[in-house]
């Protein structure tokens, strides 16, 4: 059974599986109780108060007067507490470096939610009494955890389009370009939205799916943590793998020389581009669903098959020396600190020819190609050799699909 200790603490008393099946990532969820029930991170000395956190915070921050409108100003090298004491709401976009254990907390929470490592960040929103955040929606999922004071959240689903892609949006602010392809049903408008109130007190947890209208008003001076969650979309993952595919073809890498030149220059450039574009469907078909979210190298090494591809890392070499009754292999890897030996291995005589071939190899190859070259060795042994040399950083396990001949 997967470990769900952090998520379980955030959503208690609702069972984790109920939260995952009935709320995540589509529906607003809230839970209430003492702050002490939550993970220890939220009771750390660095988060005792906004004043304590502000004393060590350095970096960008945003501030505004939410009661007067959605506009936020971004600055750096300004005291967050100074702005707060002026009656402004203050937003700190990333406090991971200020709170010991924050990075580990995020990585574990990501694992429990089944999303990629690095998909989340931990932020702070502090509002003086009677201020807060104006109506807006986020392009990310958010857990809000109230640490001190109290405030009212008002939340409502945004009906115009699902899974908005891009930054935060508030009515009355500029529309960013990525919104236009998403807005077949018109620009988002919160005027007719049906808001529901959630009263937040220390220990309260609120989950807000991306694209949910929300606004806040602090009943008391308010200090809250937000965990922003932004896993890669299908589109982003697809485009990343498509880029790796197309980079394998020099015609796709060729600049559009002449495309802004005279009529004939432009025509020749566009004709070259047309011929390249004809190969796009073939390239797209080479991307599998597994390519959209490659497993970590350690996991892939457990399941090496004939199509698994490898290439020698740059700056590596293999040395062979003679030991007592056996040849000894040394994998040498260059780094900023100099050259280091990452693997020392006694080589059985029947495998010496494989390692010597790998010592000379520079081009990418599949596990099947090396097995076909040395068929006298069982495939299971080839798997072990490739695993050992990858872990020693001599080989790189390639994580992208191969461009077919189109």
Protein backbone atom coordinates (compact mmCIF):
# COMPACT_ATOMS: atom_id res chain seq x y z
CA UNK A 1 0.00 0.00 0.00
CA UNK A 2 1.30 3.47 -0.91
CA UNK A 3 2.45 5.70 1.92
CA UNK A 4 -0.04 8.59 2.38
CA UNK A 5 1.00 10.03 5.75
CA UNK A 6 1.17 13.69 4.70
CA UNK A 7 -1.92 13.67 2.53
CA UNK A 8 -3.77 11.74 5.21
CA UNK A 9 -2.97 14.41 7.78
CA UNK A 10 -4.11 17.20 5.44
CA UNK A 11 -7.49 15.69 4.60
CA UNK A 12 -8.36 14.01 7.93
CA UNK A 13 -10.87 12.98 9.12
CA UNK A 14 -11.80 12.09 5.53
CA UNK A 15 -9.95 8.90 4.45
CA UNK A 16 -7.27 9.46 1.84
CA UNK A 17 -8.88 7.13 -0.70
CA UNK A 18 -12.17 9.01 -0.38
CA UNK A 19 -10.40 12.32 -0.99
CA UNK A 20 -8.57 10.91 -4.03
CA UNK A 21 -11.69 9.33 -5.53
CA UNK A 22 -14.32 11.97 -4.68
CA UNK A 23 -12.46 15.29 -4.66
CA UNK A 24 -8.95 15.25 -6.17
CA UNK A 25 -8.41 16.97 -8.54
CA UNK A 26 -11.91 18.15 -9.52
CA UNK A 27 -13.84 19.30 -6.45
CA UNK A 28 -13.35 21.83 -3.66
CA UNK A 29 -12.58 20.16 -0.34
CA UNK A 30 -12.13 21.51 3.18
CA UNK A 31 -11.26 20.00 6.55
CA UNK A 32 -10.98 21.63 9.95
CA UNK A 33 -9.31 20.87 13.26
CA UNK A 34 -6.38 21.91 15.44
CA UNK A 35 -3.12 22.90 13.79
CA UNK A 36 -1.37 20.20 15.82
CA UNK A 37 -3.02 17.47 13.72
CA UNK A 38 -1.18 18.62 10.59
CA UNK A 39 2.34 17.61 9.52
CA UNK A 40 5.10 18.96 11.76
CA UNK A 41 6.28 21.35 9.01
CA UNK A 42 3.37 23.70 9.74
CA UNK A 43 4.31 24.01 13.41
CA UNK A 44 8.01 24.67 12.74
CA UNK A 45 9.69 27.63 14.42
CA UNK A 46 10.12 29.38 11.06
CA UNK A 47 6.32 29.43 10.61
CA UNK A 48 5.36 30.64 14.08
CA UNK A 49 4.24 33.95 12.59
CA UNK A 50 4.52 36.04 9.47
CA UNK A 51 6.90 38.33 11.33
CA UNK A 52 9.27 35.45 12.10
CA UNK A 53 9.21 34.21 8.51
CA UNK A 54 9.67 37.73 7.11
CA UNK A 55 12.83 38.26 9.12
CA UNK A 56 14.68 35.64 7.05
CA UNK A 57 12.89 35.90 3.70
CA UNK A 58 14.83 37.23 0.73
CA UNK A 59 13.53 37.23 -2.82
CA UNK A 60 10.63 38.34 -4.93
CA UNK A 61 7.29 39.10 -3.33
CA UNK A 62 3.96 40.50 -4.37
CA UNK A 63 1.76 42.98 -2.55
CA UNK A 64 -1.55 44.70 -3.08
CA UNK A 65 -4.80 45.85 -1.55
CA UNK A 66 -7.18 43.05 -2.38
CA UNK A 67 -10.17 44.91 -0.97
CA UNK A 68 -9.64 47.56 -3.66
CA UNK A 69 -8.85 45.38 -6.67
CA UNK A 70 -6.81 42.49 -8.08
CA UNK A 71 -3.66 44.36 -9.04
CA UNK A 72 -0.48 43.02 -7.44
CA UNK A 73 2.96 44.63 -7.58
CA UNK A 74 6.10 42.47 -7.64
CA UNK A 75 9.27 43.71 -5.94
CA UNK A 76 12.38 42.33 -4.30
CA UNK A 77 14.77 43.45 -1.59
CA UNK A 78 11.85 44.91 0.34
CA UNK A 79 10.83 43.84 3.83
CA UNK A 80 7.59 41.80 3.64
CA UNK A 81 6.71 42.87 7.18
CA UNK A 82 7.13 46.54 6.30
CA UNK A 83 4.53 46.22 3.53
CA UNK A 84 2.22 44.19 5.76
CA UNK A 85 2.35 46.83 8.48
CA UNK A 86 1.28 49.38 5.87
CA UNK A 87 -2.02 47.48 5.60
CA UNK A 88 -1.15 45.58 2.42
CA UNK A 89 -1.64 41.89 1.68
CA UNK A 90 1.69 40.21 0.93
CA UNK A 91 2.43 37.15 -1.19
CA UNK A 92 5.70 35.19 -0.94
CA UNK A 93 5.98 32.94 -4.03
CA UNK A 94 8.42 30.34 -2.66
CA UNK A 95 9.56 29.81 0.92
CA UNK A 96 11.18 26.38 0.54
CA UNK A 97 14.65 27.70 1.27
CA UNK A 98 13.43 29.43 4.45
CA UNK A 99 11.78 26.43 6.08
CA UNK A 100 13.90 23.33 6.80
CA UNK A 101 12.12 20.22 5.60
CA UNK A 102 9.89 22.06 3.10
CA UNK A 103 11.51 20.48 0.03
CA UNK A 104 11.28 16.99 1.51
CA UNK A 105 7.65 17.63 2.43
CA UNK A 106 6.80 18.66 -1.14
CA UNK A 107 8.57 15.67 -2.69
CA UNK A 108 6.71 13.25 -0.42
CA UNK A 109 3.36 14.95 -1.02
CA UNK A 110 3.95 14.74 -4.77
CA UNK A 111 4.65 11.02 -4.45
CA UNK A 112 1.47 10.50 -2.44
CA UNK A 113 -0.56 12.38 -5.06
CA UNK A 114 1.08 10.45 -7.90
CA UNK A 115 2.50 13.52 -9.67
CA UNK A 116 6.00 14.28 -10.90
CA UNK A 117 8.73 15.45 -8.57
CA UNK A 118 9.17 19.23 -8.69
CA UNK A 119 5.54 19.90 -9.62
CA UNK A 120 4.73 21.87 -6.46
CA UNK A 121 5.90 24.85 -4.44
CA UNK A 122 5.07 26.26 -1.05
CA UNK A 123 3.97 29.89 -0.81
CA UNK A 124 2.63 32.33 1.77
CA UNK A 125 -0.31 34.73 1.76
CA UNK A 126 -0.60 37.20 4.65
CA UNK A 127 -3.42 39.72 4.93
CA UNK A 128 -4.17 42.33 7.60
CA UNK A 129 -7.69 42.42 9.03
CA UNK A 130 -10.38 43.34 6.48
CA UNK A 131 -8.11 42.86 3.46
CA UNK A 132 -7.49 39.76 1.37
CA UNK A 133 -7.44 38.61 -2.24
CA UNK A 134 -9.74 39.90 -4.95
CA UNK A 135 -11.73 37.49 -7.12
CA UNK A 136 -9.50 35.38 -9.37
CA UNK A 137 -8.69 31.83 -10.43
CA UNK A 138 -5.35 30.02 -10.62
CA UNK A 139 -3.85 27.86 -13.34
CA UNK A 140 -2.71 25.43 -10.66
CA UNK A 141 -4.30 23.32 -7.93
CA UNK A 142 -3.92 24.75 -4.43
CA UNK A 143 -3.98 23.49 -0.86
CA UNK A 144 -4.44 26.44 1.52
CA UNK A 145 -3.50 25.84 5.16
CA UNK A 146 -4.44 28.47 7.73
CA UNK A 147 -1.65 29.00 10.30
CA UNK A 148 -2.78 32.07 12.25
CA UNK A 149 -5.79 34.36 12.38
CA UNK A 150 -8.97 33.69 10.44
CA UNK A 151 -10.34 34.54 7.03
CA UNK A 152 -13.26 33.73 4.78
CA UNK A 153 -12.76 32.02 1.45
CA UNK A 154 -15.52 32.30 -1.12
CA UNK A 155 -15.25 29.72 -3.90
CA UNK A 156 -17.19 28.98 -7.09
CA UNK A 157 -16.55 26.82 -10.17
CA UNK A 158 -15.47 28.67 -13.31
CA UNK A 159 -17.73 27.43 -16.13
CA UNK A 160 -16.17 28.93 -19.26
CA UNK A 161 -13.42 26.31 -19.76
CA UNK A 162 -11.85 23.37 -17.96
CA UNK A 163 -8.25 22.98 -16.78
CA UNK A 164 -7.07 26.52 -17.56
CA UNK A 165 -3.47 26.68 -18.70
CA UNK A 166 -1.37 29.65 -17.71
CA UNK A 167 -0.95 32.05 -14.79
CA UNK A 168 -3.51 33.44 -12.38
CA UNK A 169 -6.34 35.47 -13.92
CA UNK A 170 -8.56 38.12 -12.33
CA UNK A 171 -11.44 40.00 -13.99
CA UNK A 172 -10.33 43.47 -15.00
CA UNK A 173 -6.72 42.45 -15.64
CA UNK A 174 -5.03 41.90 -19.00
CA UNK A 175 -5.74 38.64 -20.84
CA UNK A 176 -2.58 36.66 -21.58
CA UNK A 177 -2.08 35.24 -25.09
CA UNK A 178 -2.42 31.58 -24.10
CA UNK A 179 -6.00 32.24 -23.01
CA UNK A 180 -7.29 32.97 -26.52
CA UNK A 181 -7.02 29.38 -27.84
CA UNK A 182 -8.82 28.20 -24.71
CA UNK A 183 -11.79 30.57 -24.88
CA UNK A 184 -14.24 29.11 -27.40
CA UNK A 185 -17.07 29.86 -24.97
CA UNK A 186 -16.02 33.42 -24.25
CA UNK A 187 -13.92 35.18 -21.65
CA UNK A 188 -14.33 34.06 -18.03
CA UNK A 189 -16.69 36.17 -15.95
CA UNK A 190 -17.29 35.73 -12.23
CA UNK A 191 -20.38 37.93 -12.20
CA UNK A 192 -22.90 35.11 -12.28
CA UNK A 193 -20.87 32.53 -10.35
CA UNK A 194 -22.44 30.92 -7.28
CA UNK A 195 -19.98 31.39 -4.44
CA UNK A 196 -19.91 29.32 -1.26
CA UNK A 197 -18.15 30.45 1.91
CA UNK A 198 -15.51 28.48 3.80
CA UNK A 199 -14.41 29.86 7.17
CA UNK A 200 -10.71 29.24 7.76
CA UNK A 201 -9.19 29.05 11.24
CA UNK A 202 -5.75 27.82 12.39
CA UNK A 203 -5.53 24.19 11.25
CA UNK A 204 -8.13 24.54 8.45
CA UNK A 205 -7.21 23.02 5.08
CA UNK A 206 -8.89 23.99 1.82
CA UNK A 207 -8.26 22.32 -1.55
CA UNK A 208 -9.06 24.52 -4.56
CA UNK A 209 -8.92 22.89 -8.01
CA UNK A 210 -7.38 24.93 -10.79
CA UNK A 211 -9.92 27.15 -12.50
CA UNK A 212 -11.99 27.74 -9.36
CA UNK A 213 -13.03 31.34 -8.72
CA UNK A 214 -12.07 32.38 -5.22
CA UNK A 215 -11.60 35.46 -3.07
CA UNK A 216 -10.72 36.03 0.57
CA UNK A 217 -11.40 38.48 3.37
CA UNK A 218 -9.44 38.36 6.63
CA UNK A 219 -11.63 38.52 9.73
CA UNK A 220 -8.39 38.88 11.74
CA UNK A 221 -4.80 39.40 10.73
CA UNK A 222 -4.28 36.27 8.62
CA UNK A 223 -1.19 34.11 7.92
CA UNK A 224 -1.61 31.12 5.60
CA UNK A 225 0.43 28.67 3.58
CA UNK A 226 -0.51 27.69 0.04
CA UNK A 227 0.84 24.65 -1.76
CA UNK A 228 0.63 25.28 -5.50
CA UNK A 229 0.55 22.13 -7.62
CA UNK A 230 1.27 22.28 -11.34
CA UNK A 231 2.07 18.88 -12.90
CA UNK A 232 2.95 18.96 -16.61
CA UNK A 233 -0.11 18.83 -18.86
CA UNK A 234 -0.54 16.22 -21.58
CA UNK A 235 0.28 18.99 -24.05
CA UNK A 236 3.52 19.95 -22.31
CA UNK A 237 4.67 16.34 -21.99
CA UNK A 238 3.79 15.63 -25.63
CA UNK A 239 5.61 18.73 -26.91
CA UNK A 240 8.70 17.87 -24.87
CA UNK A 241 8.94 14.40 -26.42
CA UNK A 242 8.12 15.75 -29.89
CA UNK A 243 10.98 18.20 -29.53
CA UNK A 244 13.41 15.40 -28.68
CA UNK A 245 12.17 13.47 -31.71
CA UNK A 246 12.52 16.33 -34.17
CA UNK A 247 15.96 17.28 -32.86
CA UNK A 248 17.18 13.98 -34.34
CA UNK A 249 16.58 15.29 -37.89
CA UNK A 250 18.88 18.03 -39.28
CA UNK A 251 16.09 19.31 -41.54
CA UNK A 252 13.94 20.09 -38.50
CA UNK A 253 16.92 21.82 -36.88
CA UNK A 254 17.58 23.94 -39.98
CA UNK A 255 16.75 27.64 -39.46
CA UNK A 256 14.11 29.23 -41.70
CA UNK A 257 16.70 31.01 -43.82
CA UNK A 258 15.09 33.55 -46.16
CA UNK A 259 11.56 33.29 -44.81
CA UNK A 260 11.43 37.08 -44.31
CA UNK A 261 13.35 37.85 -47.48
CA UNK A 262 12.23 38.67 -51.02
CA UNK A 263 9.38 36.82 -52.70
CA UNK A 264 11.56 34.08 -54.18
CA UNK A 265 13.62 33.71 -51.00
CA UNK A 266 10.49 33.33 -48.92
CA UNK A 267 8.99 30.87 -51.38
CA UNK A 268 12.09 28.63 -51.30
CA UNK A 269 12.18 28.72 -47.49
CA UNK A 270 8.51 27.81 -47.24
CA UNK A 271 8.92 24.99 -49.76
CA UNK A 272 11.72 23.46 -47.67
CA UNK A 273 9.50 23.80 -44.61
CA UNK A 274 6.59 22.15 -46.43
CA UNK A 275 8.67 19.07 -47.21
CA UNK A 276 9.73 18.80 -43.59
CA UNK A 277 6.19 19.25 -42.32
CA UNK A 278 5.12 16.26 -44.41
CA UNK A 279 7.12 14.05 -42.03
CA UNK A 280 5.36 15.38 -38.92
CA UNK A 281 2.54 12.77 -38.77
CA UNK A 282 5.09 9.96 -38.88
CA UNK A 283 7.08 11.55 -36.06
CA UNK A 284 3.97 12.11 -33.95
CA UNK A 285 2.97 8.46 -34.27
CA UNK A 286 6.33 7.46 -32.76
CA UNK A 287 5.30 8.93 -29.39
CA UNK A 288 3.66 6.43 -27.06
CA UNK A 289 1.69 7.11 -23.91
CA UNK A 290 4.64 5.81 -21.89
CA UNK A 291 6.85 8.48 -23.47
CA UNK A 292 4.66 11.21 -21.97
CA UNK A 293 5.82 10.33 -18.46
CA UNK A 294 9.10 8.36 -18.58
CA UNK A 295 9.77 6.34 -15.47
CA UNK A 296 12.84 7.26 -13.40
CA UNK A 297 16.07 5.69 -14.60
CA UNK A 298 16.25 3.34 -11.61
CA UNK A 299 12.81 1.95 -12.44
CA UNK A 300 13.56 1.60 -16.15
CA UNK A 301 16.77 -0.28 -15.41
CA UNK A 302 14.67 -2.96 -13.72
CA UNK A 303 12.85 -3.60 -17.00
CA UNK A 304 15.47 -3.38 -19.75
CA UNK A 305 14.09 -4.88 -22.95
CA UNK A 306 15.39 -5.16 -26.48
CA UNK A 307 14.29 -1.64 -27.44
CA UNK A 308 15.85 0.11 -24.42
CA UNK A 309 18.46 2.52 -25.74
CA UNK A 310 21.77 3.65 -24.31
CA UNK A 311 24.62 5.96 -25.25
CA UNK A 312 28.03 6.47 -23.73
CA UNK A 313 28.28 9.55 -21.53
CA UNK A 314 30.68 12.25 -22.68
CA UNK A 315 33.88 12.41 -20.63
CA UNK A 316 33.91 8.75 -19.62
CA UNK A 317 36.33 5.93 -20.34
CA UNK A 318 37.03 2.35 -19.35
CA UNK A 319 40.46 1.16 -18.23
CA UNK A 320 41.51 -2.49 -18.12
CA UNK A 321 44.18 -3.81 -15.78
CA UNK A 322 45.33 -7.31 -14.99
CA UNK A 323 44.63 -8.68 -11.53
CA UNK A 324 45.29 -12.02 -9.94
CA UNK A 325 43.64 -14.47 -12.28
CA UNK A 326 41.17 -11.94 -13.71
CA UNK A 327 40.97 -8.77 -15.76
CA UNK A 328 39.81 -5.72 -13.82
CA UNK A 329 37.60 -2.99 -15.31
CA UNK A 330 37.74 0.60 -14.04
CA UNK A 331 35.04 3.10 -15.12
CA UNK A 332 36.51 6.60 -15.07
CA UNK A 333 34.18 9.60 -15.12
CA UNK A 334 35.22 13.24 -15.49
CA UNK A 335 33.59 15.86 -13.25
CA UNK A 336 34.27 19.39 -12.03
CA UNK A 337 36.30 17.89 -9.20
CA UNK A 338 38.46 15.88 -11.62
CA UNK A 339 38.32 12.28 -12.73
CA UNK A 340 36.90 9.63 -10.43
CA UNK A 341 36.47 5.88 -10.58
CA UNK A 342 32.79 5.00 -10.33
CA UNK A 343 33.07 1.24 -10.83
CA UNK A 344 35.77 -1.38 -10.27
CA UNK A 345 34.84 -4.83 -11.44
CA UNK A 346 36.49 -8.21 -12.01
CA UNK A 347 35.51 -9.31 -15.51
CA UNK A 348 34.91 -12.99 -16.27
CA UNK A 349 36.84 -13.89 -19.40
CA UNK A 350 33.69 -14.69 -21.42
CA UNK A 351 32.43 -11.12 -20.94
CA UNK A 352 35.68 -9.29 -21.71
CA UNK A 353 34.83 -8.83 -25.39
CA UNK A 354 31.52 -7.13 -24.49
CA UNK A 355 33.16 -4.62 -22.18
CA UNK A 356 35.88 -3.90 -24.75
CA UNK A 357 33.24 -3.21 -27.38
CA UNK A 358 31.43 -0.90 -24.98
CA UNK A 359 34.73 0.86 -24.23
CA UNK A 360 34.92 1.83 -27.91
CA UNK A 361 31.24 2.56 -28.46
CA UNK A 362 30.15 6.17 -29.00
CA UNK A 363 26.86 5.93 -30.89
CA UNK A 364 23.47 5.15 -29.38
CA UNK A 365 22.47 1.49 -29.37
CA UNK A 366 19.68 -0.76 -28.20
CA UNK A 367 19.97 -3.63 -25.76
CA UNK A 368 18.89 -5.93 -28.58
CA UNK A 369 21.72 -4.76 -30.85
CA UNK A 370 24.39 -5.64 -28.30
CA UNK A 371 22.66 -8.95 -27.56
CA UNK A 372 22.62 -9.76 -31.29
CA UNK A 373 26.31 -8.87 -31.55
CA UNK A 374 27.19 -11.22 -28.68
CA UNK A 375 24.52 -13.95 -28.85
CA UNK A 376 26.57 -16.44 -26.83
CA UNK A 377 25.83 -14.39 -23.70
CA UNK A 378 22.30 -14.71 -22.19
CA UNK A 379 20.15 -11.58 -22.47
CA UNK A 380 19.81 -11.50 -18.67
CA UNK A 381 23.56 -10.99 -18.44
CA UNK A 382 23.46 -8.17 -20.98
CA UNK A 383 20.80 -6.54 -18.79
CA UNK A 384 23.09 -6.75 -15.75
CA UNK A 385 26.05 -5.27 -17.65
CA UNK A 386 23.99 -2.34 -19.00
CA UNK A 387 22.50 -1.75 -15.55
CA UNK A 388 25.92 -1.66 -13.86
CA UNK A 389 27.47 0.70 -16.43
CA UNK A 390 24.48 3.05 -16.31
CA UNK A 391 24.57 3.24 -12.53
CA UNK A 392 28.32 3.94 -12.79
CA UNK A 393 27.48 6.90 -15.10
CA UNK A 394 29.37 5.39 -18.05
CA UNK A 395 26.18 4.90 -20.08
CA UNK A 396 23.13 7.16 -20.32
CA UNK A 397 19.75 5.48 -20.51
CA UNK A 398 17.97 7.43 -23.26
CA UNK A 399 14.54 8.65 -22.19
CA UNK A 400 13.07 9.79 -25.51
CA UNK A 401 11.70 7.86 -28.52
CA UNK A 402 13.68 7.26 -31.67
CA UNK A 403 12.72 9.17 -34.81
CA UNK A 404 11.48 6.72 -37.44
CA UNK A 405 12.47 6.96 -41.07
CA UNK A 406 9.53 8.84 -42.51
